[in-house]
C-alpha cells in the first residue's frame, strides 16, 4: 500500500460521502465522483539518524451537480463539512494510519486551500480542497 492509499482510506471514513470509493487521479466520471491527486511539490528534511520528515500536498476533488441552487448549496456544505472534519481529526491527532505503507508515522494533516470550484460545466462542477500531510519516514 502507498501513502496516498492510506490517505484515501482515511478520507473514505468521512461520514458525508455517499460512497467511500475515492479514485486516484481521475475525475472524468459522473456526479458524486471523489478523487485524490498527489501534487508534485514535496519537502523532505533529512535527520542525522537517516530518517526524514516529509511534507506532501494532495488535491481532493468532488464532482457535484449544479443545475439547481439547492444542489450548489449542498455541494458547498459537503466541502465545508469535510474541511471541518479534517481539522477536527488533526486537532485530535486522529491521523491516517501510514504504517500500512511502511515505516511511516503521520504528524499532521491540514488544509492548505479551502473548497472552491475549479471547473464548471453546464450541469456539474468540480470542487477542490488542498490537503497537506506531514509525516516521518523512519530509516529501515
C-alpha atoms as a PDB file:
ATOM      1  CA  UNK A   1       0.000   0.000   0.000  1.00  0.00           C
ATOM      2  CA  UNK A   2       1.151   3.573  -0.678  1.00  0.00           C
ATOM      3  CA  UNK A   3       0.965   6.694   1.483  1.00  0.00           C
ATOM      4  CA  UNK A   4      -1.657   8.041  -0.953  1.00  0.00           C
ATOM      5  CA  UNK A   5      -3.787   4.923  -0.479  1.00  0.00           C
ATOM      6  CA  UNK A   6      -3.597   5.335   3.293  1.00  0.00           C
ATOM      7  CA  UNK A   7      -4.822   8.918   2.905  1.00  0.00           C
ATOM      8  CA  UNK A   8      -7.632   7.792   0.575  1.00  0.00           C
ATOM      9  CA  UNK A   9      -8.764   5.191   3.137  1.00  0.00           C
ATOM     10  CA  UNK A  10      -8.733   7.823   5.879  1.00  0.00           C
ATOM     11  CA  UNK A  11     -10.738  10.319   3.788  1.00  0.00           C
ATOM     12  CA  UNK A  12     -13.161   7.493   2.959  1.00  0.00           C
ATOM     13  CA  UNK A  13     -14.156   7.472   6.649  1.00  0.00           C
ATOM     14  CA  UNK A  14     -15.777  10.906   6.295  1.00  0.00           C
ATOM     15  CA  UNK A  15     -19.476  10.313   7.042  1.00  0.00           C
ATOM     16  CA  UNK A  16     -20.681  12.881   4.487  1.00  0.00           C
ATOM     17  CA  UNK A  17     -19.761  10.785   1.464  1.00  0.00           C
ATOM     18  CA  UNK A  18     -22.403   8.549  -0.067  1.00  0.00           C
ATOM     19  CA  UNK A  19     -19.565   6.267  -1.091  1.00  0.00           C
ATOM     20  CA  UNK A  20     -16.144   5.690   0.405  1.00  0.00           C
ATOM     21  CA  UNK A  21     -14.657   4.997  -3.028  1.00  0.00           C
ATOM     22  CA  UNK A  22     -12.109   7.662  -3.830  1.00  0.00           C
ATOM     23  CA  UNK A  23     -10.453   7.348  -7.215  1.00  0.00           C
ATOM     24  CA  UNK A  24      -6.793   8.071  -7.865  1.00  0.00           C
ATOM     25  CA  UNK A  25      -6.000  10.781 -10.428  1.00  0.00           C
ATOM     26  CA  UNK A  26      -9.398  10.610 -12.129  1.00  0.00           C
ATOM     27  CA  UNK A  27     -12.434  12.876 -12.058  1.00  0.00           C
ATOM     28  CA  UNK A  28     -13.923  12.497 -15.570  1.00  0.00           C
ATOM     29  CA  UNK A  29     -16.782  10.336 -14.324  1.00  0.00           C
ATOM     30  CA  UNK A  30     -20.364  11.160 -13.263  1.00  0.00           C
ATOM     31  CA  UNK A  31     -21.757  13.279 -10.447  1.00  0.00           C
ATOM     32  CA  UNK A  32     -20.689  12.248  -6.963  1.00  0.00           C
ATOM     33  CA  UNK A  33     -17.187  11.209  -8.023  1.00  0.00           C
ATOM     34  CA  UNK A  34     -14.429  11.668  -5.452  1.00  0.00           C
ATOM     35  CA  UNK A  35     -10.763  11.724  -6.429  1.00  0.00           C
ATOM     36  CA  UNK A  36      -7.345  12.334  -4.917  1.00  0.00           C
ATOM     37  CA  UNK A  37      -4.351  13.700  -6.831  1.00  0.00           C
ATOM     38  CA  UNK A  38      -0.852  13.872  -5.411  1.00  0.00           C
ATOM     39  CA  UNK A  39       0.784  17.241  -6.096  1.00  0.00           C
ATOM     40  CA  UNK A  40       4.326  17.323  -7.457  1.00  0.00           C
ATOM     41  CA  UNK A  41       5.656  19.548  -4.665  1.00  0.00           C
ATOM     42  CA  UNK A  42       7.229  17.740  -1.733  1.00  0.00           C
ATOM     43  CA  UNK A  43       9.535  18.873   1.044  1.00  0.00           C
ATOM     44  CA  UNK A  44      11.991  16.464   2.650  1.00  0.00           C
ATOM     45  CA  UNK A  45      14.032  17.272   5.762  1.00  0.00           C
ATOM     46  CA  UNK A  46      16.677  14.608   6.462  1.00  0.00           C
ATOM     47  CA  UNK A  47      17.801  13.787  10.009  1.00  0.00           C
ATOM     48  CA  UNK A  48      21.204  12.509  11.174  1.00  0.00           C
ATOM     49  CA  UNK A  49      19.787   9.070  12.008  1.00  0.00           C
ATOM     50  CA  UNK A  50      18.702   8.520   8.378  1.00  0.00           C
ATOM     51  CA  UNK A  51      15.029   9.210   8.962  1.00  0.00           C
ATOM     52  CA  UNK A  52      13.312  12.166   7.334  1.00  0.00           C
ATOM     53  CA  UNK A  53      10.313  14.445   7.733  1.00  0.00           C
ATOM     54  CA  UNK A  54       8.238  14.619   4.559  1.00  0.00           C
ATOM     55  CA  UNK A  55       5.593  17.184   3.668  1.00  0.00           C
ATOM     56  CA  UNK A  56       3.347  16.254   0.743  1.00  0.00           C
ATOM     57  CA  UNK A  57       0.423  18.030  -0.863  1.00  0.00           C
ATOM     58  CA  UNK A  58      -2.723  16.425  -2.225  1.00  0.00           C
ATOM     59  CA  UNK A  59      -5.643  17.776  -4.200  1.00  0.00           C
ATOM     60  CA  UNK A  60      -9.033  16.325  -3.303  1.00  0.00           C
ATOM     61  CA  UNK A  61     -11.805  16.707  -5.878  1.00  0.00           C
ATOM     62  CA  UNK A  62     -15.548  16.206  -5.738  1.00  0.00           C
ATOM     63  CA  UNK A  63     -17.834  16.396  -8.787  1.00  0.00           C
ATOM     64  CA  UNK A  64     -21.337  17.611  -7.962  1.00  0.00           C
ATOM     65  CA  UNK A  65     -24.457  18.558  -9.867  1.00  0.00           C
ATOM     66  CA  UNK A  66     -25.046  22.304 -10.143  1.00  0.00           C
ATOM     67  CA  UNK A  67     -28.298  22.663 -12.078  1.00  0.00           C
ATOM     68  CA  UNK A  68     -30.303  23.972  -9.131  1.00  0.00           C
ATOM     69  CA  UNK A  69     -29.324  26.430  -6.390  1.00  0.00           C
ATOM     70  CA  UNK A  70     -30.062  23.804  -3.734  1.00  0.00           C
ATOM     71  CA  UNK A  71     -27.532  21.418  -5.313  1.00  0.00           C
ATOM     72  CA  UNK A  72     -24.846  24.095  -5.356  1.00  0.00           C
ATOM     73  CA  UNK A  73     -25.509  24.971  -1.719  1.00  0.00           C
ATOM     74  CA  UNK A  74     -25.409  21.271  -0.806  1.00  0.00           C
ATOM     75  CA  UNK A  75     -22.058  20.878  -2.583  1.00  0.00           C
ATOM     76  CA  UNK A  76     -20.595  23.804  -0.637  1.00  0.00           C
ATOM     77  CA  UNK A  77     -21.948  22.354   2.599  1.00  0.00           C
ATOM     78  CA  UNK A  78     -20.324  18.991   1.850  1.00  0.00           C
ATOM     79  CA  UNK A  79     -16.945  20.644   1.267  1.00  0.00           C
ATOM     80  CA  UNK A  80     -17.244  22.775   4.416  1.00  0.00           C
ATOM     81  CA  UNK A  81     -18.180  19.693   6.445  1.00  0.00           C
ATOM     82  CA  UNK A  82     -15.160  17.843   5.041  1.00  0.00           C
ATOM     83  CA  UNK A  83     -12.887  20.760   5.914  1.00  0.00           C
ATOM     84  CA  UNK A  84     -14.237  20.791   9.480  1.00  0.00           C
ATOM     85  CA  UNK A  85     -13.831  17.004   9.720  1.00  0.00           C
ATOM     86  CA  UNK A  86     -10.182  17.166   8.619  1.00  0.00           C
ATOM     87  CA  UNK A  87      -9.427  19.996  11.062  1.00  0.00           C
ATOM     88  CA  UNK A  88     -11.126  18.133  13.941  1.00  0.00           C
ATOM     89  CA  UNK A  89      -9.276  14.909  13.189  1.00  0.00           C
ATOM     90  CA  UNK A  90      -5.978  16.802  13.044  1.00  0.00           C
ATOM     91  CA  UNK A  91      -6.699  18.529  16.370  1.00  0.00           C
ATOM     92  CA  UNK A  92      -7.476  15.141  17.932  1.00  0.00           C
ATOM     93  CA  UNK A  93      -4.350  13.610  16.344  1.00  0.00           C
ATOM     94  CA  UNK A  94      -6.545  11.076  14.569  1.00  0.00           C
ATOM     95  CA  UNK A  95      -4.274  10.800  11.553  1.00  0.00           C
ATOM     96  CA  UNK A  96      -4.172   8.429   8.586  1.00  0.00           C
ATOM     97  CA  UNK A  97      -2.541   5.116   9.505  1.00  0.00           C
ATOM     98  CA  UNK A  98       0.572   5.237   7.334  1.00  0.00           C
ATOM     99  CA  UNK A  99       2.114   2.099   8.862  1.00  0.00           C
ATOM    100  CA  UNK A 100       0.391   0.071   6.134  1.00  0.00           C
ATOM    101  CA  UNK A 101       2.681   1.810   3.619  1.00  0.00           C
ATOM    102  CA  UNK A 102       5.901   1.154   5.535  1.00  0.00           C
ATOM    103  CA  UNK A 103       7.832   2.677   8.370  1.00  0.00           C
ATOM    104  CA  UNK A 104       5.859   5.950   8.338  1.00  0.00           C
ATOM    105  CA  UNK A 105       4.103   7.972  11.029  1.00  0.00           C
ATOM    106  CA  UNK A 106       1.790  10.902  10.290  1.00  0.00           C
ATOM    107  CA  UNK A 107       2.411  14.015  12.416  1.00  0.00           C
ATOM    108  CA  UNK A 108      -0.036  16.474  10.894  1.00  0.00           C
ATOM    109  CA  UNK A 109      -2.787  16.745   8.335  1.00  0.00           C
ATOM    110  CA  UNK A 110      -4.240  20.104   7.433  1.00  0.00           C
ATOM    111  CA  UNK A 111      -5.805  22.161   4.689  1.00  0.00           C
ATOM    112  CA  UNK A 112      -3.613  24.433   2.601  1.00  0.00           C
ATOM    113  CA  UNK A 113      -6.528  25.687   0.465  1.00  0.00           C
ATOM    114  CA  UNK A 114     -10.218  25.574   1.198  1.00  0.00           C
ATOM    115  CA  UNK A 115     -13.059  24.368  -1.035  1.00  0.00           C
ATOM    116  CA  UNK A 116     -13.583  26.137  -4.325  1.00  0.00           C
ATOM    117  CA  UNK A 117     -14.864  25.355  -7.810  1.00  0.00           C
ATOM    118  CA  UNK A 118     -12.013  24.550 -10.160  1.00  0.00           C
ATOM    119  CA  UNK A 119     -14.060  23.593 -13.218  1.00  0.00           C
ATOM    120  CA  UNK A 120     -17.680  24.045 -14.205  1.00  0.00           C
ATOM    121  CA  UNK A 121     -19.725  22.516 -16.983  1.00  0.00           C
ATOM    122  CA  UNK A 122     -23.354  23.006 -17.953  1.00  0.00           C
ATOM    123  CA  UNK A 123     -24.829  20.803 -15.219  1.00  0.00           C
ATOM    124  CA  UNK A 124     -21.980  19.996 -12.806  1.00  0.00           C
ATOM    125  CA  UNK A 125     -18.804  21.385 -11.280  1.00  0.00           C
ATOM    126  CA  UNK A 126     -15.609  20.103  -9.736  1.00  0.00           C
ATOM    127  CA  UNK A 127     -14.907  21.310  -6.198  1.00  0.00           C
ATOM    128  CA  UNK A 128     -11.386  21.085  -4.785  1.00  0.00           C
ATOM    129  CA  UNK A 129      -9.598  21.328  -1.468  1.00  0.00           C
ATOM    130  CA  UNK A 130      -5.841  21.106  -0.951  1.00  0.00           C
ATOM    131  CA  UNK A 131      -4.538  18.871   1.814  1.00  0.00           C
ATOM    132  CA  UNK A 132      -1.072  18.963   3.325  1.00  0.00           C
ATOM    133  CA  UNK A 133       0.242  15.919   5.178  1.00  0.00           C
ATOM    134  CA  UNK A 134       3.433  15.862   7.227  1.00  0.00           C
ATOM    135  CA  UNK A 135       4.928  12.548   8.262  1.00  0.00           C
ATOM    136  CA  UNK A 136       8.158  10.964   9.416  1.00  0.00           C
ATOM    137  CA  UNK A 137       9.714   8.159   7.435  1.00  0.00           C
ATOM    138  CA  UNK A 138      11.946   6.130   9.724  1.00  0.00           C
ATOM    139  CA  UNK A 139      15.121   4.600   8.401  1.00  0.00           C
ATOM    140  CA  UNK A 140      14.719   0.925   7.514  1.00  0.00           C
END
